[in-house]
Amino acid sequence: NCDDADVTDLENLRKSIPPDFLGSGLKLTMMPFILRATALALRHHPLLNASLDEENEQIVYKEYVNLGIAVDTPRGLVVPVLRNADRLSIPRLAEELARLAGKARNVDFTVEDLRGGTFSISNLGAVGGTYSTPIINHPEAAILLVGRSRWLPVVRDGAVVPRFMMPLSLSYDHRLVDGAAAARFLNEVIDWLQSPGKLLLSG
């Protein structure tokens, strides 16, 4: 599934935060907001946060949201896990991302850092692409790829206006998730991203 989120209001909010507001050297990117929106949506769509136990032919539902973040390192792509992401505020998510970025630069991930993910997110926008088909990180049920946001002409109330649009691509295991469930999940992620006030105040 591919779709766009209108993140104009979110981008304006993000840019209004003074530099170093969250702490010295801590840059507020779009990623903490994306992580928060995804974690909240996964609470309401447990199939996308589940895994398939093929040996016992059972679906395993997780009572936690551990987000794997695909990171490009000097030694290749790794997916460190940000644990209990649904319990973290946007400032805390920003801190955790900065910590993971530091580990990526120094390539000092342990096996434990890479274990236990329930859903993965890949940021294609850092490379410069828009849509793609991300590969699911087995045994997870789905992965969300975020492309580079760009200004596009969009029709609003009969007028063409410039809006900042974020491309999103979702891949999922059809044995667990059908197209309708995937679309409902992606729609909720988009709704959170398009409602930054709600996103900031969410508990």
C-alpha atoms as a PDB file:
ATOM      1  CA  ASN A   1       0.000   0.000   0.000  1.00  0.00           C
ATOM      2  CA  CYS A   2       1.281   3.471  -0.923  1.00  0.00           C
ATOM      3  CA  ASP A   3      -0.195   6.808   0.088  1.00  0.00           C
ATOM      4  CA  ASP A   4       0.742  10.384   0.990  1.00  0.00           C
ATOM      5  CA  ALA A   5       0.341  12.229   4.277  1.00  0.00           C
ATOM      6  CA  ASP A   6      -0.134  16.000   4.136  1.00  0.00           C
ATOM      7  CA  VAL A   7       2.454  17.020   6.740  1.00  0.00           C
ATOM      8  CA  THR A   8       2.382  20.776   6.038  1.00  0.00           C
ATOM      9  CA  ASP A   9       1.077  21.606   9.527  1.00  0.00           C
ATOM     10  CA  LEU A  10       3.459  19.125  11.142  1.00  0.00           C
ATOM     11  CA  GLU A  11       6.443  20.594   9.271  1.00  0.00           C
ATOM     12  CA  ASN A  12       5.450  24.113  10.334  1.00  0.00           C
ATOM     13  CA  LEU A  13       5.179  22.924  13.941  1.00  0.00           C
ATOM     14  CA  ARG A  14       8.527  21.136  13.785  1.00  0.00           C
ATOM     15  CA  LYS A  15      10.271  24.188  12.327  1.00  0.00           C
ATOM     16  CA  SER A  16       8.773  26.412  15.041  1.00  0.00           C
ATOM     17  CA  ILE A  17      10.657  24.513  17.778  1.00  0.00           C
ATOM     18  CA  PRO A  18      13.832  26.474  18.634  1.00  0.00           C
ATOM     19  CA  PRO A  19      17.188  24.740  18.019  1.00  0.00           C
ATOM     20  CA  ASP A  20      18.440  22.831  21.074  1.00  0.00           C
ATOM     21  CA  PHE A  21      14.996  23.128  22.722  1.00  0.00           C
ATOM     22  CA  LEU A  22      15.092  19.391  23.480  1.00  0.00           C
ATOM     23  CA  GLY A  23      18.715  19.498  24.569  1.00  0.00           C
ATOM     24  CA  SER A  24      22.129  20.477  23.332  1.00  0.00           C
ATOM     25  CA  GLY A  25      22.822  19.094  19.874  1.00  0.00           C
ATOM     26  CA  LEU A  26      19.471  17.253  19.725  1.00  0.00           C
ATOM     27  CA  LYS A  27      17.871  17.892  16.340  1.00  0.00           C
ATOM     28  CA  LEU A  28      14.103  17.470  16.010  1.00  0.00           C
ATOM     29  CA  THR A  29      13.476  15.714  12.702  1.00  0.00           C
ATOM     30  CA  MET A  30      10.239  14.255  11.358  1.00  0.00           C
ATOM     31  CA  MET A  31      11.189  10.777  12.554  1.00  0.00           C
ATOM     32  CA  PRO A  32      10.055  11.065  16.208  1.00  0.00           C
ATOM     33  CA  PHE A  33       6.611  12.154  14.977  1.00  0.00           C
ATOM     34  CA  ILE A  34       6.515   9.253  12.503  1.00  0.00           C
ATOM     35  CA  LEU A  35       7.509   6.808  15.247  1.00  0.00           C
ATOM     36  CA  ARG A  36       4.836   8.172  17.579  1.00  0.00           C
ATOM     37  CA  ALA A  37       2.116   8.022  14.908  1.00  0.00           C
ATOM     38  CA  THR A  38       3.092   4.470  13.955  1.00  0.00           C
ATOM     39  CA  ALA A  39       3.246   3.241  17.552  1.00  0.00           C
ATOM     40  CA  LEU A  40      -0.197   4.674  18.331  1.00  0.00           C
ATOM     41  CA  ALA A  41      -1.704   3.125  15.198  1.00  0.00           C
ATOM     42  CA  LEU A  42      -0.183  -0.264  16.044  1.00  0.00           C
ATOM     43  CA  ARG A  43      -2.039  -0.209  19.381  1.00  0.00           C
ATOM     44  CA  HIS A  44      -5.315  -0.166  17.443  1.00  0.00           C
ATOM     45  CA  HIS A  45      -4.242  -2.614  14.707  1.00  0.00           C
ATOM     46  CA  PRO A  46      -2.637  -5.524  16.601  1.00  0.00           C
ATOM     47  CA  LEU A  47      -2.354  -7.792  13.535  1.00  0.00           C
ATOM     48  CA  LEU A  48       0.322  -5.514  12.084  1.00  0.00           C
ATOM     49  CA  ASN A  49       2.238  -5.809  15.354  1.00  0.00           C
ATOM     50  CA  ALA A  50       1.891  -9.603  15.498  1.00  0.00           C
ATOM     51  CA  SER A  51       3.983 -12.467  14.155  1.00  0.00           C
ATOM     52  CA  LEU A  52       3.256 -15.887  12.703  1.00  0.00           C
ATOM     53  CA  ASP A  53       4.485 -18.943  14.585  1.00  0.00           C
ATOM     54  CA  GLU A  54       4.719 -21.248  11.578  1.00  0.00           C
ATOM     55  CA  GLU A  55       5.777 -24.310  13.553  1.00  0.00           C
ATOM     56  CA  ASN A  56       2.675 -24.212  15.745  1.00  0.00           C
ATOM     57  CA  GLU A  57       0.465 -22.515  13.125  1.00  0.00           C
ATOM     58  CA  GLN A  58      -0.459 -19.720  15.533  1.00  0.00           C
ATOM     59  CA  ILE A  59      -0.645 -15.947  15.384  1.00  0.00           C
ATOM     60  CA  VAL A  60       1.360 -14.400  18.236  1.00  0.00           C
ATOM     61  CA  TYR A  61      -0.039 -11.060  19.390  1.00  0.00           C
ATOM     62  CA  LYS A  62       2.411  -8.738  21.142  1.00  0.00           C
ATOM     63  CA  GLU A  63       1.409  -6.614  24.133  1.00  0.00           C
ATOM     64  CA  TYR A  64       4.265  -4.197  23.435  1.00  0.00           C
ATOM     65  CA  VAL A  65       5.429  -2.101  20.479  1.00  0.00           C
ATOM     66  CA  ASN A  66       9.134  -2.481  19.711  1.00  0.00           C
ATOM     67  CA  LEU A  67       9.978  -0.490  16.596  1.00  0.00           C
ATOM     68  CA  GLY A  68      12.920  -1.576  14.476  1.00  0.00           C
ATOM     69  CA  ILE A  69      14.608   1.433  12.847  1.00  0.00           C
ATOM     70  CA  ALA A  70      16.530   0.640   9.662  1.00  0.00           C
ATOM     71  CA  VAL A  71      19.891   2.429   9.905  1.00  0.00           C
ATOM     72  CA  ASP A  72      22.630   2.656   7.296  1.00  0.00           C
ATOM     73  CA  THR A  73      26.049   2.106   8.898  1.00  0.00           C
ATOM     74  CA  PRO A  74      29.575   1.916   7.455  1.00  0.00           C
ATOM     75  CA  ARG A  75      29.170  -1.870   7.551  1.00  0.00           C
ATOM     76  CA  GLY A  76      25.739  -1.976   5.922  1.00  0.00           C
ATOM     77  CA  LEU A  77      22.081  -1.840   6.959  1.00  0.00           C
ATOM     78  CA  VAL A  78      21.141  -2.788  10.518  1.00  0.00           C
ATOM     79  CA  VAL A  79      17.783  -2.587  12.308  1.00  0.00           C
ATOM     80  CA  PRO A  80      18.230  -1.643  15.984  1.00  0.00           C
ATOM     81  CA  VAL A  81      15.101  -1.886  18.111  1.00  0.00           C
ATOM     82  CA  LEU A  82      13.487   0.986  19.998  1.00  0.00           C
ATOM     83  CA  ARG A  83      11.623  -0.766  22.802  1.00  0.00           C
ATOM     84  CA  ASN A  84       8.171   0.167  24.154  1.00  0.00           C
ATOM     85  CA  ALA A  85       7.941   2.961  21.602  1.00  0.00           C
ATOM     86  CA  ASP A  86       4.220   3.439  22.270  1.00  0.00           C
ATOM     87  CA  ARG A  87       5.052   4.539  25.837  1.00  0.00           C
ATOM     88  CA  LEU A  88       7.582   7.195  24.792  1.00  0.00           C
ATOM     89  CA  SER A  89       6.828  10.872  24.218  1.00  0.00           C
ATOM     90  CA  ILE A  90       8.077  12.658  21.125  1.00  0.00           C
ATOM     91  CA  PRO A  91      11.013  14.265  23.050  1.00  0.00           C
ATOM     92  CA  ARG A  92      12.002  10.830  24.416  1.00  0.00           C
ATOM     93  CA  LEU A  93      11.752   9.312  20.940  1.00  0.00           C
ATOM     94  CA  ALA A  94      14.040  12.075  19.646  1.00  0.00           C
ATOM     95  CA  GLU A  95      16.559  11.225  22.390  1.00  0.00           C
ATOM     96  CA  GLU A  96      16.431   7.520  21.554  1.00  0.00           C
ATOM     97  CA  LEU A  97      16.924   8.231  17.846  1.00  0.00           C
ATOM     98  CA  ALA A  98      19.980  10.354  18.631  1.00  0.00           C
ATOM     99  CA  ARG A  99      21.361   7.505  20.733  1.00  0.00           C
ATOM    100  CA  LEU A 100      20.808   5.014  17.907  1.00  0.00           C
ATOM    101  CA  ALA A 101      22.423   7.398  15.405  1.00  0.00           C
ATOM    102  CA  GLY A 102      25.502   7.588  17.634  1.00  0.00           C
ATOM    103  CA  LYS A 103      25.680   3.808  17.799  1.00  0.00           C
ATOM    104  CA  ALA A 104      25.291   3.614  14.008  1.00  0.00           C
ATOM    105  CA  ARG A 105      28.190   6.012  13.452  1.00  0.00           C
ATOM    106  CA  ASN A 106      30.410   3.928  15.739  1.00  0.00           C
ATOM    107  CA  VAL A 107      28.968   0.579  14.567  1.00  0.00           C
ATOM    108  CA  ASP A 108      28.691  -0.641  18.152  1.00  0.00           C
ATOM    109  CA  PHE A 109      25.333  -2.441  18.096  1.00  0.00           C
ATOM    110  CA  THR A 110      25.066  -5.623  20.154  1.00  0.00           C
ATOM    111  CA  VAL A 111      22.891  -8.592  19.250  1.00  0.00           C
ATOM    112  CA  GLU A 112      20.490  -7.491  21.993  1.00  0.00           C
ATOM    113  CA  ASP A 113      20.091  -4.080  20.315  1.00  0.00           C
ATOM    114  CA  LEU A 114      18.837  -5.839  17.166  1.00  0.00           C
ATOM    115  CA  ARG A 115      16.512  -8.367  18.817  1.00  0.00           C
ATOM    116  CA  GLY A 116      12.795  -8.285  19.661  1.00  0.00           C
ATOM    117  CA  GLY A 117      11.325  -5.930  17.068  1.00  0.00           C
ATOM    118  CA  THR A 118       7.588  -6.156  16.360  1.00  0.00           C
ATOM    119  CA  PHE A 119       7.377  -3.709  13.404  1.00  0.00           C
ATOM    120  CA  SER A 120      10.019  -1.898  11.342  1.00  0.00           C
ATOM    121  CA  ILE A 121      10.362   1.572   9.825  1.00  0.00           C
ATOM    122  CA  SER A 122      12.771   2.503   7.048  1.00  0.00           C
ATOM    123  CA  ASN A 123      13.540   6.109   6.123  1.00  0.00           C
ATOM    124  CA  LEU A 124      14.087   6.197   2.372  1.00  0.00           C
ATOM    125  CA  GLY A 125      13.842   9.995   2.486  1.00  0.00           C
ATOM    126  CA  ALA A 126      17.366  10.189   3.865  1.00  0.00           C
ATOM    127  CA  VAL A 127      18.567   8.747   0.544  1.00  0.00           C
ATOM    128  CA  GLY A 128      16.170  10.760  -1.579  1.00  0.00           C
ATOM    129  CA  GLY A 129      13.530   8.356  -2.927  1.00  0.00           C
ATOM    130  CA  THR A 130       9.749   8.549  -2.722  1.00  0.00           C
ATOM    131  CA  TYR A 131       7.923   5.208  -2.983  1.00  0.00           C
ATOM    132  CA  SER A 132       9.428   1.733  -2.834  1.00  0.00           C
ATOM    133  CA  THR A 133       8.552  -1.802  -1.752  1.00  0.00           C
ATOM    134  CA  PRO A 134      10.312  -2.463   1.558  1.00  0.00           C
ATOM    135  CA  ILE A 135      11.119  -6.051   2.501  1.00  0.00           C
ATOM    136  CA  ILE A 136       9.493  -7.325   5.697  1.00  0.00           C
ATOM    137  CA  ASN A 137      11.916  -7.978   8.552  1.00  0.00           C
ATOM    138  CA  HIS A 138      10.986 -11.596   9.398  1.00  0.00           C
ATOM    139  CA  PRO A 139       9.206 -12.662  11.630  1.00  0.00           C
ATOM    140  CA  GLU A 140       7.435  -9.284  11.780  1.00  0.00           C
ATOM    141  CA  ALA A 141       4.144  -8.831   9.914  1.00  0.00           C
ATOM    142  CA  ALA A 142       4.826  -5.486   8.251  1.00  0.00           C
ATOM    143  CA  ILE A 143       7.257  -2.664   7.518  1.00  0.00           C
ATOM    144  CA  LEU A 144       6.656   1.022   6.765  1.00  0.00           C
ATOM    145  CA  LEU A 145       8.932   2.921   4.399  1.00  0.00           C
ATOM    146  CA  VAL A 146       8.989   6.725   4.598  1.00  0.00           C
ATOM    147  CA  GLY A 147      10.010   8.585   1.451  1.00  0.00           C
ATOM    148  CA  ARG A 148      11.307  12.121   1.099  1.00  0.00           C
ATOM    149  CA  SER A 149       8.624  14.728   1.738  1.00  0.00           C
ATOM    150  CA  ARG A 150       8.189  17.234  -1.092  1.00  0.00           C
ATOM    151  CA  TRP A 151       6.040  20.229  -1.991  1.00  0.00           C
ATOM    152  CA  LEU A 152       3.243  19.332  -4.401  1.00  0.00           C
ATOM    153  CA  PRO A 153       0.264  21.187  -5.895  1.00  0.00           C
ATOM    154  CA  VAL A 154      -2.825  19.835  -4.117  1.00  0.00           C
ATOM    155  CA  VAL A 155      -6.504  20.721  -4.544  1.00  0.00           C
ATOM    156  CA  ARG A 156      -8.075  22.028  -1.321  1.00  0.00           C
ATOM    157  CA  ASP A 157     -11.618  23.465  -1.331  1.00  0.00           C
ATOM    158  CA  GLY A 158     -11.514  23.833  -5.108  1.00  0.00           C
ATOM    159  CA  ALA A 159      -8.190  25.713  -5.177  1.00  0.00           C
ATOM    160  CA  VAL A 160      -4.714  24.427  -6.033  1.00  0.00           C
ATOM    161  CA  VAL A 161      -2.361  25.081  -3.114  1.00  0.00           C
ATOM    162  CA  PRO A 162       1.203  23.981  -2.262  1.00  0.00           C
ATOM    163  CA  ARG A 163       1.277  21.275   0.409  1.00  0.00           C
ATOM    164  CA  PHE A 164       4.180  19.374   1.970  1.00  0.00           C
ATOM    165  CA  MET A 165       3.463  15.708   1.208  1.00  0.00           C
ATOM    166  CA  MET A 166       5.128  12.672   2.802  1.00  0.00           C
ATOM    167  CA  PRO A 167       5.106   9.423   0.757  1.00  0.00           C
ATOM    168  CA  LEU A 168       4.488   6.237   2.731  1.00  0.00           C
ATOM    169  CA  SER A 169       4.871   2.644   1.515  1.00  0.00           C
ATOM    170  CA  LEU A 170       3.623  -0.317   3.562  1.00  0.00           C
ATOM    171  CA  SER A 171       4.572  -3.948   2.933  1.00  0.00           C
ATOM    172  CA  TYR A 172       2.836  -6.697   4.895  1.00  0.00           C
ATOM    173  CA  ASP A 173       2.547 -10.463   5.216  1.00  0.00           C
ATOM    174  CA  HIS A 174      -0.690 -11.497   3.482  1.00  0.00           C
ATOM    175  CA  ARG A 175      -0.900 -14.592   5.667  1.00  0.00           C
ATOM    176  CA  LEU A 176      -1.626 -12.261   8.612  1.00  0.00           C
ATOM    177  CA  VAL A 177      -2.818  -8.987   7.120  1.00  0.00           C
ATOM    178  CA  ASP A 178      -5.221  -8.391   4.246  1.00  0.00           C
ATOM    179  CA  GLY A 179      -5.418  -5.269   2.109  1.00  0.00           C
ATOM    180  CA  ALA A 180      -8.320  -3.732   4.044  1.00  0.00           C
ATOM    181  CA  ALA A 181      -6.555  -4.098   7.415  1.00  0.00           C
ATOM    182  CA  ALA A 182      -3.364  -2.635   5.954  1.00  0.00           C
ATOM    183  CA  ALA A 183      -5.272   0.326   4.498  1.00  0.00           C
ATOM    184  CA  ARG A 184      -7.011   1.035   7.815  1.00  0.00           C
ATOM    185  CA  PHE A 185      -3.670   1.000   9.624  1.00  0.00           C
ATOM    186  CA  LEU A 186      -1.987   3.293   7.091  1.00  0.00           C
ATOM    187  CA  ASN A 187      -4.981   5.660   7.193  1.00  0.00           C
ATOM    188  CA  GLU A 188      -4.612   5.965  10.964  1.00  0.00           C
ATOM    189  CA  VAL A 189      -0.872   6.683  10.683  1.00  0.00           C
ATOM    190  CA  ILE A 190      -1.702   9.395   8.138  1.00  0.00           C
ATOM    191  CA  ASP A 191      -4.453  10.819  10.346  1.00  0.00           C
ATOM    192  CA  TRP A 192      -2.023  11.181  13.272  1.00  0.00           C
ATOM    193  CA  LEU A 193       0.593  12.854  11.050  1.00  0.00           C
ATOM    194  CA  GLN A 194      -2.018  15.248   9.674  1.00  0.00           C
ATOM    195  CA  SER A 195      -3.196  16.155  13.202  1.00  0.00           C
ATOM    196  CA  PRO A 196       0.007  17.232  14.986  1.00  0.00           C
ATOM    197  CA  GLY A 197      -1.905  18.758  17.916  1.00  0.00           C
ATOM    198  CA  LYS A 198      -3.587  15.411  18.634  1.00  0.00           C
ATOM    199  CA  LEU A 199      -0.269  13.631  18.161  1.00  0.00           C
ATOM    200  CA  LEU A 200       1.480  15.819  20.735  1.00  0.00           C
ATOM    201  CA  LEU A 201      -1.322  15.474  23.281  1.00  0.00           C
ATOM    202  CA  SER A 202      -1.845  11.723  22.824  1.00  0.00           C
ATOM    203  CA  GLY A 203      -1.348   9.580  25.915  1.00  0.00           C
END
